[in-house]
Amino acid sequence: GYERDKQPKPSKTAFLFILPQYNVSVPTADGELVQYHYGLKDLVTILFYIFIAIILHAVVQEYALDKINRRLHLSKVKHSKFNESGQLVAFHLTSMVWCLYVVVTEGYVSNPRSLWENYPHVYLPFQVKFFYLCQLAYWLHALPELYFQKVRKEEIPRQLRCIALYLVHIAGAYLLNLTRLGLILLLLQYLAEFFFHMARLVYFTDENNEKLFNVWAVVFVVTRLFTLTLYILVIGFGLPRVENQALDPERGNFFTCLFSTPARMSVLLLVCLFQASVMWRFIHFQLRRWREYWNEQSSRKRAAAGAKQPAKPLKRDSGYHENGVVKAENGTSPRTKKLKSP
């Protein structure tokens, strides 16, 4: 009986994989509130949801994207890009709705000061921590999917850079206790990415339809402006006003170096340079797309003008050649006919 009680219960082991760990009771004015912080056991939960993400990825591929691909008869290159955009449209739409729900219910939109007030935000509500764990699991699952989806070697470096950037930003916000700012930035990023990949899907089904690319261009510029504004607001004005300005990693305060003016300006300069590089790539892409569009339109106009121009009539003598034989205007041979003897 003692050995049986000593063994871990299956329910507790299952909860270690399924639910976030490190819950604590935080006293509030209305009583106690259960919140969470991060730890090494989060890796077990992330591992479990990596397998869940792989299964969902296969379901979307099998029951949605493959059926559409059979109807479109795309080339191998377009087939790969269509699958990539289809998966990301499903993910960005789900994450965008989920993230919007979290930031609205937690009051981060109605009260922008909450993005930096009472920093460090060591204790997280359940839905905030669960959202971050699922986000990390999804982008980690994208690594083995490069092998499962048989991605072309030319595409692997680009996709690895994208996955690495998302992992660094999401894990950085989670570990440095900037989860509130990270949620707003993810919402803006996913909004722009959703329109981009949706525009690609529409373009693959109808190459003459590029209207959604124009919508994405507007959304991209607006989200970049909001992102830069949030960085300046939080790093430039919000964090330097918090009460606890001492470096204390045990309590989750990692930003004492940002409170001095030179360091703060250096961080903002790096942020501005990064956003400027993103905008430069965007402008370069738009200019190339518009140049290709106008070249295509001009070639179509030249082709239409050439088709409308009447052909010049050829000058002929009294006869013309047909199959190497000279014939008269009325189609008879110019040679005199021999009279048949009666």
C-alpha atoms as a PDB file:
ATOM      1  CA  GLY A   1       0.000   0.000   0.000  1.00  0.00           C
ATOM      2  CA  TYR A   2       2.888   2.371   0.756  1.00  0.00           C
ATOM      3  CA  GLU A   3       4.545   1.745  -2.617  1.00  0.00           C
ATOM      4  CA  ARG A   4       1.218   2.341  -4.347  1.00  0.00           C
ATOM      5  CA  ASP A   5       0.748   5.704  -2.604  1.00  0.00           C
ATOM      6  CA  LYS A   6       4.320   6.660  -3.391  1.00  0.00           C
ATOM      7  CA  GLN A   7       3.773   6.391  -7.149  1.00  0.00           C
ATOM      8  CA  PRO A   8       2.648   9.591  -8.887  1.00  0.00           C
ATOM      9  CA  LYS A   9      -1.025   9.749  -9.783  1.00  0.00           C
ATOM     10  CA  PRO A  10      -1.810   9.696 -13.516  1.00  0.00           C
ATOM     11  CA  SER A  11      -3.982  12.810 -13.223  1.00  0.00           C
ATOM     12  CA  LYS A  12      -1.137  14.901 -11.793  1.00  0.00           C
ATOM     13  CA  THR A  13       1.225  13.698 -14.502  1.00  0.00           C
ATOM     14  CA  ALA A  14      -1.325  14.528 -17.182  1.00  0.00           C
ATOM     15  CA  PHE A  15      -1.847  18.017 -15.743  1.00  0.00           C
ATOM     16  CA  LEU A  16       1.912  18.581 -15.964  1.00  0.00           C
ATOM     17  CA  PHE A  17       1.645  18.208 -19.755  1.00  0.00           C
ATOM     18  CA  ILE A  18      -1.731  19.827 -20.376  1.00  0.00           C
ATOM     19  CA  LEU A  19      -2.022  22.782 -17.981  1.00  0.00           C
ATOM     20  CA  PRO A  20       0.404  25.621 -17.157  1.00  0.00           C
ATOM     21  CA  GLN A  21       2.423  25.116 -13.977  1.00  0.00           C
ATOM     22  CA  TYR A  22       3.677  27.394 -11.165  1.00  0.00           C
ATOM     23  CA  ASN A  23       0.352  28.774  -9.996  1.00  0.00           C
ATOM     24  CA  VAL A  24       0.331  31.048  -6.933  1.00  0.00           C
ATOM     25  CA  SER A  25      -2.386  32.816  -4.971  1.00  0.00           C
ATOM     26  CA  VAL A  26      -1.963  36.587  -5.163  1.00  0.00           C
ATOM     27  CA  PRO A  27      -3.917  38.663  -2.606  1.00  0.00           C
ATOM     28  CA  THR A  28      -6.106  41.398  -4.106  1.00  0.00           C
ATOM     29  CA  ALA A  29      -8.741  43.827  -2.842  1.00  0.00           C
ATOM     30  CA  ASP A  30     -11.502  41.353  -3.767  1.00  0.00           C
ATOM     31  CA  GLY A  31      -9.740  38.334  -2.280  1.00  0.00           C
ATOM     32  CA  GLU A  32      -7.161  35.912  -3.630  1.00  0.00           C
ATOM     33  CA  LEU A  33      -6.448  35.573  -7.328  1.00  0.00           C
ATOM     34  CA  VAL A  34      -4.701  32.568  -8.859  1.00  0.00           C
ATOM     35  CA  GLN A  35      -1.909  33.612 -11.222  1.00  0.00           C
ATOM     36  CA  TYR A  36       1.154  32.001 -12.776  1.00  0.00           C
ATOM     37  CA  HIS A  37       4.861  32.571 -13.334  1.00  0.00           C
ATOM     38  CA  TYR A  38       7.333  30.743 -15.558  1.00  0.00           C
ATOM     39  CA  GLY A  39       9.754  27.908 -14.802  1.00  0.00           C
ATOM     40  CA  LEU A  40      11.471  24.852 -16.256  1.00  0.00           C
ATOM     41  CA  LYS A  41       8.286  22.750 -16.142  1.00  0.00           C
ATOM     42  CA  ASP A  42       6.927  24.981 -18.904  1.00  0.00           C
ATOM     43  CA  LEU A  43       9.181  23.063 -21.301  1.00  0.00           C
ATOM     44  CA  VAL A  44       7.134  19.901 -20.682  1.00  0.00           C
ATOM     45  CA  THR A  45       3.884  21.729 -21.465  1.00  0.00           C
ATOM     46  CA  ILE A  46       5.422  23.282 -24.588  1.00  0.00           C
ATOM     47  CA  LEU A  47       6.582  19.834 -25.739  1.00  0.00           C
ATOM     48  CA  PHE A  48       3.056  18.461 -25.410  1.00  0.00           C
ATOM     49  CA  TYR A  49       1.554  21.298 -27.452  1.00  0.00           C
ATOM     50  CA  ILE A  50       4.254  20.896 -30.112  1.00  0.00           C
ATOM     51  CA  PHE A  51       2.749  17.468 -30.849  1.00  0.00           C
ATOM     52  CA  ILE A  52      -0.750  18.983 -30.809  1.00  0.00           C
ATOM     53  CA  ALA A  53       0.390  21.621 -33.322  1.00  0.00           C
ATOM     54  CA  ILE A  54       1.867  18.927 -35.599  1.00  0.00           C
ATOM     55  CA  ILE A  55      -1.453  17.040 -35.554  1.00  0.00           C
ATOM     56  CA  LEU A  56      -3.475  20.191 -36.311  1.00  0.00           C
ATOM     57  CA  HIS A  57      -1.034  21.075 -39.080  1.00  0.00           C
ATOM     58  CA  ALA A  58      -1.626  17.679 -40.700  1.00  0.00           C
ATOM     59  CA  VAL A  59      -5.410  18.031 -40.362  1.00  0.00           C
ATOM     60  CA  VAL A  60      -5.458  21.426 -42.086  1.00  0.00           C
ATOM     61  CA  GLN A  61      -3.164  20.095 -44.814  1.00  0.00           C
ATOM     62  CA  GLU A  62      -5.131  16.907 -45.448  1.00  0.00           C
ATOM     63  CA  TYR A  63      -8.723  18.121 -45.243  1.00  0.00           C
ATOM     64  CA  ALA A  64      -8.400  21.667 -46.610  1.00  0.00           C
ATOM     65  CA  LEU A  65      -5.246  22.567 -48.516  1.00  0.00           C
ATOM     66  CA  ASP A  66      -4.721  19.293 -50.398  1.00  0.00           C
ATOM     67  CA  LYS A  67      -8.304  19.332 -51.679  1.00  0.00           C
ATOM     68  CA  ILE A  68      -7.901  22.878 -52.978  1.00  0.00           C
ATOM     69  CA  ASN A  69      -4.542  22.048 -54.551  1.00  0.00           C
ATOM     70  CA  ARG A  70      -6.068  19.200 -56.562  1.00  0.00           C
ATOM     71  CA  ARG A  71      -8.510  21.641 -58.147  1.00  0.00           C
ATOM     72  CA  LEU A  72      -5.999  24.384 -58.904  1.00  0.00           C
ATOM     73  CA  HIS A  73      -3.271  22.192 -60.505  1.00  0.00           C
ATOM     74  CA  LEU A  74      -0.451  24.477 -59.316  1.00  0.00           C
ATOM     75  CA  SER A  75       3.218  24.093 -60.162  1.00  0.00           C
ATOM     76  CA  LYS A  76       5.630  22.744 -57.541  1.00  0.00           C
ATOM     77  CA  VAL A  77       6.839  26.211 -56.544  1.00  0.00           C
ATOM     78  CA  LYS A  78       3.337  27.657 -56.249  1.00  0.00           C
ATOM     79  CA  HIS A  79       2.159  24.476 -54.522  1.00  0.00           C
ATOM     80  CA  SER A  80       4.750  24.948 -51.770  1.00  0.00           C
ATOM     81  CA  LYS A  81       3.929  28.631 -51.328  1.00  0.00           C
ATOM     82  CA  PHE A  82       0.205  27.917 -51.318  1.00  0.00           C
ATOM     83  CA  ASN A  83       0.635  25.365 -48.516  1.00  0.00           C
ATOM     84  CA  GLU A  84       2.775  27.777 -46.511  1.00  0.00           C
ATOM     85  CA  SER A  85       0.287  30.643 -46.843  1.00  0.00           C
ATOM     86  CA  GLY A  86      -2.684  28.368 -46.164  1.00  0.00           C
ATOM     87  CA  GLN A  87      -1.200  27.118 -42.896  1.00  0.00           C
ATOM     88  CA  LEU A  88      -0.220  30.627 -41.798  1.00  0.00           C
ATOM     89  CA  VAL A  89      -3.643  32.083 -42.636  1.00  0.00           C
ATOM     90  CA  ALA A  90      -5.273  29.525 -40.331  1.00  0.00           C
ATOM     91  CA  PHE A  91      -2.706  30.161 -37.580  1.00  0.00           C
ATOM     92  CA  HIS A  92      -2.688  33.970 -37.827  1.00  0.00           C
ATOM     93  CA  LEU A  93      -6.476  34.179 -37.859  1.00  0.00           C
ATOM     94  CA  THR A  94      -6.787  31.949 -34.782  1.00  0.00           C
ATOM     95  CA  SER A  95      -3.991  33.737 -32.917  1.00  0.00           C
ATOM     96  CA  MET A  96      -5.310  37.169 -33.860  1.00  0.00           C
ATOM     97  CA  VAL A  97      -8.817  36.459 -32.518  1.00  0.00           C
ATOM     98  CA  TRP A  98      -7.385  34.806 -29.399  1.00  0.00           C
ATOM     99  CA  CYS A  99      -4.899  37.630 -28.753  1.00  0.00           C
ATOM    100  CA  LEU A 100      -7.583  40.292 -29.267  1.00  0.00           C
ATOM    101  CA  TYR A 101      -9.818  38.539 -26.755  1.00  0.00           C
ATOM    102  CA  VAL A 102      -6.997  38.406 -24.192  1.00  0.00           C
ATOM    103  CA  VAL A 103      -5.943  42.065 -24.476  1.00  0.00           C
ATOM    104  CA  VAL A 104      -9.568  43.263 -24.323  1.00  0.00           C
ATOM    105  CA  THR A 105     -10.611  41.122 -21.353  1.00  0.00           C
ATOM    106  CA  GLU A 106      -7.424  41.933 -19.436  1.00  0.00           C
ATOM    107  CA  GLY A 107      -7.911  45.678 -20.047  1.00  0.00           C
ATOM    108  CA  TYR A 108      -4.620  46.326 -21.861  1.00  0.00           C
ATOM    109  CA  VAL A 109      -6.360  48.245 -24.661  1.00  0.00           C
ATOM    110  CA  SER A 110      -8.620  50.391 -22.504  1.00  0.00           C
ATOM    111  CA  ASN A 111      -5.752  51.244 -20.119  1.00  0.00           C
ATOM    112  CA  PRO A 112      -2.462  51.699 -22.046  1.00  0.00           C
ATOM    113  CA  ARG A 113      -0.650  52.590 -18.801  1.00  0.00           C
ATOM    114  CA  SER A 114      -1.010  48.975 -17.742  1.00  0.00           C
ATOM    115  CA  LEU A 115       1.655  48.090 -20.327  1.00  0.00           C
ATOM    116  CA  TRP A 116       4.351  49.460 -18.000  1.00  0.00           C
ATOM    117  CA  GLU A 117       2.689  50.113 -14.651  1.00  0.00           C
ATOM    118  CA  ASN A 118       3.751  47.798 -11.808  1.00  0.00           C
ATOM    119  CA  TYR A 119       6.609  46.398 -13.858  1.00  0.00           C
ATOM    120  CA  PRO A 120       7.915  43.672 -13.641  1.00  0.00           C
ATOM    121  CA  HIS A 121       4.794  41.694 -14.524  1.00  0.00           C
ATOM    122  CA  VAL A 122       6.005  38.477 -12.939  1.00  0.00           C
ATOM    123  CA  TYR A 123       2.576  36.965 -12.273  1.00  0.00           C
ATOM    124  CA  LEU A 124       0.393  36.257 -15.283  1.00  0.00           C
ATOM    125  CA  PRO A 125      -3.288  35.378 -15.662  1.00  0.00           C
ATOM    126  CA  PHE A 126      -3.990  31.860 -16.876  1.00  0.00           C
ATOM    127  CA  GLN A 127      -5.025  32.909 -20.383  1.00  0.00           C
ATOM    128  CA  VAL A 128      -1.910  35.069 -20.886  1.00  0.00           C
ATOM    129  CA  LYS A 129       0.512  32.318 -19.870  1.00  0.00           C
ATOM    130  CA  PHE A 130      -1.358  29.664 -21.858  1.00  0.00           C
ATOM    131  CA  PHE A 131      -1.308  31.906 -24.938  1.00  0.00           C
ATOM    132  CA  TYR A 132       2.463  32.342 -24.731  1.00  0.00           C
ATOM    133  CA  LEU A 133       3.075  28.618 -24.246  1.00  0.00           C
ATOM    134  CA  CYS A 134       0.952  27.808 -27.301  1.00  0.00           C
ATOM    135  CA  GLN A 135       2.745  30.441 -29.372  1.00  0.00           C
ATOM    136  CA  LEU A 136       6.158  29.029 -28.477  1.00  0.00           C
ATOM    137  CA  ALA A 137       4.909  25.508 -29.223  1.00  0.00           C
ATOM    138  CA  TYR A 138       3.634  26.504 -32.657  1.00  0.00           C
ATOM    139  CA  TRP A 139       6.844  28.181 -33.822  1.00  0.00           C
ATOM    140  CA  LEU A 140       8.939  25.317 -32.439  1.00  0.00           C
ATOM    141  CA  HIS A 141       6.758  22.805 -34.286  1.00  0.00           C
ATOM    142  CA  ALA A 142       7.524  24.714 -37.509  1.00  0.00           C
ATOM    143  CA  LEU A 143      11.104  23.388 -37.375  1.00  0.00           C
ATOM    144  CA  PRO A 144      10.278  19.684 -37.915  1.00  0.00           C
ATOM    145  CA  GLU A 145       7.548  20.725 -40.368  1.00  0.00           C
ATOM    146  CA  LEU A 146      10.288  21.920 -42.713  1.00  0.00           C
ATOM    147  CA  TYR A 147      11.224  18.255 -43.079  1.00  0.00           C
ATOM    148  CA  PHE A 148       7.678  16.869 -43.088  1.00  0.00           C
ATOM    149  CA  GLN A 149       6.530  19.332 -45.778  1.00  0.00           C
ATOM    150  CA  LYS A 150       9.649  18.682 -47.907  1.00  0.00           C
ATOM    151  CA  VAL A 151      10.394  22.382 -48.227  1.00  0.00           C
ATOM    152  CA  ARG A 152      12.786  23.283 -51.026  1.00  0.00           C
ATOM    153  CA  LYS A 153      16.390  23.995 -50.005  1.00  0.00           C
ATOM    154  CA  GLU A 154      16.154  27.519 -51.414  1.00  0.00           C
ATOM    155  CA  GLU A 155      13.241  28.309 -49.075  1.00  0.00           C
ATOM    156  CA  ILE A 156      14.710  26.855 -45.873  1.00  0.00           C
ATOM    157  CA  PRO A 157      17.005  29.819 -44.906  1.00  0.00           C
ATOM    158  CA  ARG A 158      14.152  32.321 -45.290  1.00  0.00           C
ATOM    159  CA  GLN A 159      11.757  30.236 -43.209  1.00  0.00           C
ATOM    160  CA  LEU A 160      14.410  29.599 -40.553  1.00  0.00           C
ATOM    161  CA  ARG A 161      14.989  33.349 -40.194  1.00  0.00           C
ATOM    162  CA  CYS A 162      11.262  33.921 -39.811  1.00  0.00           C
ATOM    163  CA  ILE A 163      10.893  31.175 -37.187  1.00  0.00           C
ATOM    164  CA  ALA A 164      13.951  32.422 -35.271  1.00  0.00           C
ATOM    165  CA  LEU A 165      12.667  36.019 -35.186  1.00  0.00           C
ATOM    166  CA  TYR A 166       9.283  34.950 -33.825  1.00  0.00           C
ATOM    167  CA  LEU A 167      10.863  32.679 -31.198  1.00  0.00           C
ATOM    168  CA  VAL A 168      13.286  35.381 -30.031  1.00  0.00           C
ATOM    169  CA  HIS A 169      10.574  38.035 -29.716  1.00  0.00           C
ATOM    170  CA  ILE A 170       7.979  35.787 -28.043  1.00  0.00           C
ATOM    171  CA  ALA A 171      10.444  34.121 -25.667  1.00  0.00           C
ATOM    172  CA  GLY A 172      12.047  37.490 -24.903  1.00  0.00           C
ATOM    173  CA  ALA A 173       8.730  39.072 -23.952  1.00  0.00           C
ATOM    174  CA  TYR A 174       7.842  35.994 -21.854  1.00  0.00           C
ATOM    175  CA  LEU A 175      11.139  35.696 -19.979  1.00  0.00           C
ATOM    176  CA  LEU A 176      11.751  39.433 -19.501  1.00  0.00           C
ATOM    177  CA  ASN A 177       8.242  39.967 -18.091  1.00  0.00           C
ATOM    178  CA  LEU A 178       7.108  42.196 -20.963  1.00  0.00           C
ATOM    179  CA  THR A 179       4.129  40.002 -21.780  1.00  0.00           C
ATOM    180  CA  ARG A 180       1.630  42.867 -21.996  1.00  0.00           C
ATOM    181  CA  LEU A 181       3.643  44.785 -24.560  1.00  0.00           C
ATOM    182  CA  GLY A 182       4.363  41.529 -26.371  1.00  0.00           C
ATOM    183  CA  LEU A 183       0.654  40.763 -26.739  1.00  0.00           C
ATOM    184  CA  ILE A 184      -0.087  44.104 -28.433  1.00  0.00           C
ATOM    185  CA  LEU A 185       2.917  43.769 -30.764  1.00  0.00           C
ATOM    186  CA  LEU A 186       1.943  40.212 -31.707  1.00  0.00           C
ATOM    187  CA  LEU A 187      -1.598  41.345 -32.466  1.00  0.00           C
ATOM    188  CA  LEU A 188      -0.318  44.032 -34.835  1.00  0.00           C
ATOM    189  CA  GLN A 189       2.167  41.668 -36.483  1.00  0.00           C
ATOM    190  CA  TYR A 190      -0.376  38.888 -36.992  1.00  0.00           C
ATOM    191  CA  LEU A 191      -2.877  41.346 -38.462  1.00  0.00           C
ATOM    192  CA  ALA A 192      -0.443  42.389 -41.200  1.00  0.00           C
ATOM    193  CA  GLU A 193       0.735  38.819 -41.833  1.00  0.00           C
ATOM    194  CA  PHE A 194      -2.829  37.562 -42.127  1.00  0.00           C
ATOM    195  CA  PHE A 195      -3.644  39.988 -44.951  1.00  0.00           C
ATOM    196  CA  PHE A 196      -0.369  39.213 -46.742  1.00  0.00           C
ATOM    197  CA  HIS A 197      -0.868  35.452 -46.808  1.00  0.00           C
ATOM    198  CA  MET A 198      -4.562  35.838 -47.598  1.00  0.00           C
ATOM    199  CA  ALA A 199      -3.598  37.994 -50.584  1.00  0.00           C
ATOM    200  CA  ARG A 200      -1.176  35.290 -51.741  1.00  0.00           C
ATOM    201  CA  LEU A 201      -3.889  32.641 -51.559  1.00  0.00           C
ATOM    202  CA  VAL A 202      -6.260  34.760 -53.629  1.00  0.00           C
ATOM    203  CA  TYR A 203      -3.474  35.492 -56.124  1.00  0.00           C
ATOM    204  CA  PHE A 204      -2.727  31.782 -56.599  1.00  0.00           C
ATOM    205  CA  THR A 205      -6.387  31.095 -57.381  1.00  0.00           C
ATOM    206  CA  ASP A 206      -6.671  34.094 -59.739  1.00  0.00           C
ATOM    207  CA  GLU A 207      -3.454  35.790 -60.887  1.00  0.00           C
ATOM    208  CA  ASN A 208      -5.378  38.835 -62.139  1.00  0.00           C
ATOM    209  CA  ASN A 209      -6.754  39.573 -58.672  1.00  0.00           C
ATOM    210  CA  GLU A 210      -4.236  41.640 -56.670  1.00  0.00           C
ATOM    211  CA  LYS A 211      -6.641  43.864 -54.723  1.00  0.00           C
ATOM    212  CA  LEU A 212      -5.828  42.252 -51.376  1.00  0.00           C
ATOM    213  CA  PHE A 213      -2.157  43.129 -51.845  1.00  0.00           C
ATOM    214  CA  ASN A 214      -3.194  46.792 -51.828  1.00  0.00           C
ATOM    215  CA  VAL A 215      -5.159  46.225 -48.610  1.00  0.00           C
ATOM    216  CA  TRP A 216      -2.150  44.485 -47.090  1.00  0.00           C
ATOM    217  CA  ALA A 217       0.098  47.412 -48.065  1.00  0.00           C
ATOM    218  CA  VAL A 218      -2.113  49.861 -46.151  1.00  0.00           C
ATOM    219  CA  VAL A 219      -2.431  47.550 -43.129  1.00  0.00           C
ATOM    220  CA  PHE A 220       1.323  46.939 -43.085  1.00  0.00           C
ATOM    221  CA  VAL A 221       2.201  50.635 -42.992  1.00  0.00           C
ATOM    222  CA  VAL A 222      -0.381  51.346 -40.259  1.00  0.00           C
ATOM    223  CA  THR A 223       0.803  48.456 -38.079  1.00  0.00           C
ATOM    224  CA  ARG A 224       4.457  49.535 -38.479  1.00  0.00           C
ATOM    225  CA  LEU A 225       3.542  53.035 -37.282  1.00  0.00           C
ATOM    226  CA  PHE A 226       1.644  51.657 -34.287  1.00  0.00           C
ATOM    227  CA  THR A 227       4.528  49.306 -33.458  1.00  0.00           C
ATOM    228  CA  LEU A 228       7.085  52.098 -33.492  1.00  0.00           C
ATOM    229  CA  THR A 229       4.779  54.317 -31.415  1.00  0.00           C
ATOM    230  CA  LEU A 230       4.360  51.587 -28.788  1.00  0.00           C
ATOM    231  CA  TYR A 231       8.113  51.037 -28.519  1.00  0.00           C
ATOM    232  CA  ILE A 232       8.717  54.746 -27.991  1.00  0.00           C
ATOM    233  CA  LEU A 233       5.824  55.040 -25.523  1.00  0.00           C
ATOM    234  CA  VAL A 234       6.801  52.054 -23.362  1.00  0.00           C
ATOM    235  CA  ILE A 235      10.623  52.138 -23.536  1.00  0.00           C
ATOM    236  CA  GLY A 236      11.045  55.907 -23.844  1.00  0.00           C
ATOM    237  CA  PHE A 237       8.406  57.156 -21.411  1.00  0.00           C
ATOM    238  CA  GLY A 238       6.802  54.279 -19.510  1.00  0.00           C
ATOM    239  CA  LEU A 239       9.537  52.059 -18.079  1.00  0.00           C
ATOM    240  CA  PRO A 240      11.719  54.947 -16.795  1.00  0.00           C
ATOM    241  CA  ARG A 241       8.821  56.022 -14.529  1.00  0.00           C
ATOM    242  CA  VAL A 242       8.346  52.742 -12.667  1.00  0.00           C
ATOM    243  CA  GLU A 243       9.048  52.842  -8.956  1.00  0.00           C
ATOM    244  CA  ASN A 244      11.368  49.841  -8.728  1.00  0.00           C
ATOM    245  CA  GLN A 245      14.416  50.804 -10.808  1.00  0.00           C
ATOM    246  CA  ALA A 246      16.990  48.460  -9.288  1.00  0.00           C
ATOM    247  CA  LEU A 247      18.341  45.460 -11.167  1.00  0.00           C
ATOM    248  CA  ASP A 248      16.717  42.469  -9.505  1.00  0.00           C
ATOM    249  CA  PRO A 249      16.607  39.323 -11.684  1.00  0.00           C
ATOM    250  CA  GLU A 250      15.093  37.279  -8.860  1.00  0.00           C
ATOM    251  CA  ARG A 251      12.070  39.564  -8.847  1.00  0.00           C
ATOM    252  CA  GLY A 252      12.011  39.773 -12.645  1.00  0.00           C
ATOM    253  CA  ASN A 253      13.370  43.290 -13.140  1.00  0.00           C
ATOM    254  CA  PHE A 254      15.854  43.185 -16.034  1.00  0.00           C
ATOM    255  CA  PHE A 255      15.616  46.742 -17.337  1.00  0.00           C
ATOM    256  CA  THR A 256      17.652  48.898 -15.007  1.00  0.00           C
ATOM    257  CA  CYS A 257      20.031  49.542 -17.924  1.00  0.00           C
ATOM    258  CA  LEU A 258      17.215  51.173 -19.873  1.00  0.00           C
ATOM    259  CA  PHE A 259      16.553  53.891 -17.299  1.00  0.00           C
ATOM    260  CA  SER A 260      19.657  55.931 -18.136  1.00  0.00           C
ATOM    261  CA  THR A 261      19.102  58.348 -20.999  1.00  0.00           C
ATOM    262  CA  PRO A 262      22.015  57.220 -23.252  1.00  0.00           C
ATOM    263  CA  ALA A 263      21.080  53.541 -22.965  1.00  0.00           C
ATOM    264  CA  ARG A 264      17.419  54.276 -23.545  1.00  0.00           C
ATOM    265  CA  MET A 265      18.183  56.326 -26.642  1.00  0.00           C
ATOM    266  CA  SER A 266      20.452  53.549 -27.941  1.00  0.00           C
ATOM    267  CA  VAL A 267      17.687  50.979 -27.611  1.00  0.00           C
ATOM    268  CA  LEU A 268      15.196  53.272 -29.339  1.00  0.00           C
ATOM    269  CA  LEU A 269      17.713  53.924 -32.104  1.00  0.00           C
ATOM    270  CA  LEU A 270      18.109  50.176 -32.682  1.00  0.00           C
ATOM    271  CA  VAL A 271      14.336  49.780 -32.780  1.00  0.00           C
ATOM    272  CA  CYS A 272      13.988  52.622 -35.285  1.00  0.00           C
ATOM    273  CA  LEU A 273      16.744  51.184 -37.487  1.00  0.00           C
ATOM    274  CA  PHE A 274      15.099  47.773 -37.471  1.00  0.00           C
ATOM    275  CA  GLN A 275      11.702  49.236 -38.374  1.00  0.00           C
ATOM    276  CA  ALA A 276      13.346  51.353 -41.082  1.00  0.00           C
ATOM    277  CA  SER A 277      14.946  48.243 -42.606  1.00  0.00           C
ATOM    278  CA  VAL A 278      11.559  46.511 -42.603  1.00  0.00           C
ATOM    279  CA  MET A 279       9.967  49.517 -44.319  1.00  0.00           C
ATOM    280  CA  TRP A 280      12.773  49.658 -46.882  1.00  0.00           C
ATOM    281  CA  ARG A 281      12.209  46.013 -47.854  1.00  0.00           C
ATOM    282  CA  PHE A 282       8.492  46.717 -48.064  1.00  0.00           C
ATOM    283  CA  ILE A 283       8.990  49.776 -50.307  1.00  0.00           C
ATOM    284  CA  HIS A 284      11.416  47.840 -52.512  1.00  0.00           C
ATOM    285  CA  PHE A 285       8.860  45.033 -52.860  1.00  0.00           C
ATOM    286  CA  GLN A 286       6.077  47.477 -53.746  1.00  0.00           C
ATOM    287  CA  LEU A 287       8.190  49.289 -56.342  1.00  0.00           C
ATOM    288  CA  ARG A 288       9.151  46.013 -57.977  1.00  0.00           C
ATOM    289  CA  ARG A 289       5.514  44.872 -58.038  1.00  0.00           C
ATOM    290  CA  TRP A 290       4.282  48.155 -59.542  1.00  0.00           C
ATOM    291  CA  ARG A 291       7.073  48.104 -62.158  1.00  0.00           C
ATOM    292  CA  GLU A 292       6.099  44.584 -63.206  1.00  0.00           C
ATOM    293  CA  TYR A 293       2.449  45.617 -63.321  1.00  0.00           C
ATOM    294  CA  TRP A 294       3.079  48.642 -65.591  1.00  0.00           C
ATOM    295  CA  ASN A 295       5.385  46.649 -67.859  1.00  0.00           C
ATOM    296  CA  GLU A 296       2.676  44.053 -68.252  1.00  0.00           C
ATOM    297  CA  GLN A 297       0.046  46.716 -68.970  1.00  0.00           C
ATOM    298  CA  SER A 298       2.235  48.432 -71.578  1.00  0.00           C
ATOM    299  CA  SER A 299       2.979  45.131 -73.331  1.00  0.00           C
ATOM    300  CA  ARG A 300      -0.747  44.374 -73.451  1.00  0.00           C
ATOM    301  CA  LYS A 301      -1.463  47.785 -74.977  1.00  0.00           C
ATOM    302  CA  ARG A 302       1.223  47.300 -77.632  1.00  0.00           C
ATOM    303  CA  ALA A 303      -0.166  43.888 -78.476  1.00  0.00           C
ATOM    304  CA  ALA A 304      -3.698  45.268 -78.758  1.00  0.00           C
ATOM    305  CA  ALA A 305      -2.513  48.163 -80.966  1.00  0.00           C
ATOM    306  CA  GLY A 306      -0.667  45.737 -83.253  1.00  0.00           C
ATOM    307  CA  ALA A 307      -3.774  43.592 -83.625  1.00  0.00           C
ATOM    308  CA  LYS A 308      -5.975  46.595 -84.575  1.00  0.00           C
ATOM    309  CA  GLN A 309      -3.556  47.939 -87.223  1.00  0.00           C
ATOM    310  CA  PRO A 310      -4.785  46.878 -90.760  1.00  0.00           C
ATOM    311  CA  ALA A 311      -2.404  44.884 -92.926  1.00  0.00           C
ATOM    312  CA  LYS A 312      -0.916  46.708 -95.948  1.00  0.00           C
ATOM    313  CA  PRO A 313      -2.119  45.292 -99.313  1.00  0.00           C
ATOM    314  CA  LEU A 314       0.602  43.786-101.481  1.00  0.00           C
ATOM    315  CA  LYS A 315       1.116  45.109-105.018  1.00  0.00           C
ATOM    316  CA  ARG A 316       0.657  42.408-107.604  1.00  0.00           C
ATOM    317  CA  ASP A 317       1.022  42.242-111.335  1.00  0.00           C
ATOM    318  CA  SER A 318      -1.730  41.089-113.602  1.00  0.00           C
ATOM    319  CA  GLY A 319      -1.258  37.622-112.142  1.00  0.00           C
ATOM    320  CA  TYR A 320      -0.301  36.062-108.906  1.00  0.00           C
ATOM    321  CA  HIS A 321       1.543  32.987-107.734  1.00  0.00           C
ATOM    322  CA  GLU A 322      -0.195  30.011-106.313  1.00  0.00           C
ATOM    323  CA  ASN A 323       1.823  26.894-105.543  1.00  0.00           C
ATOM    324  CA  GLY A 324       4.553  28.134-107.849  1.00  0.00           C
ATOM    325  CA  VAL A 325       2.186  28.561-110.803  1.00  0.00           C
ATOM    326  CA  VAL A 326       1.432  31.975-112.262  1.00  0.00           C
ATOM    327  CA  LYS A 327      -2.292  32.608-112.568  1.00  0.00           C
ATOM    328  CA  ALA A 328      -4.317  35.511-113.893  1.00  0.00           C
ATOM    329  CA  GLU A 329      -6.640  37.722-111.894  1.00  0.00           C
ATOM    330  CA  ASN A 330      -9.631  35.533-112.682  1.00  0.00           C
ATOM    331  CA  GLY A 331      -7.799  32.416-111.579  1.00  0.00           C
ATOM    332  CA  THR A 332      -7.095  31.125-115.121  1.00  0.00           C
ATOM    333  CA  SER A 333      -3.672  30.330-116.418  1.00  0.00           C
ATOM    334  CA  PRO A 334      -2.108  33.148-118.499  1.00  0.00           C
ATOM    335  CA  ARG A 335      -1.015  30.685-121.131  1.00  0.00           C
ATOM    336  CA  THR A 336      -3.163  30.465-124.259  1.00  0.00           C
ATOM    337  CA  LYS A 337      -5.264  27.403-124.470  1.00  0.00           C
ATOM    338  CA  LYS A 338      -4.844  25.034-127.362  1.00  0.00           C
ATOM    339  CA  LEU A 339      -7.931  24.608-129.456  1.00  0.00           C
ATOM    340  CA  LYS A 340      -9.104  21.074-129.647  1.00  0.00           C
ATOM    341  CA  SER A 341      -9.600  19.743-133.077  1.00  0.00           C
ATOM    342  CA  PRO A 342     -13.197  19.021-133.895  1.00  0.00           C
END
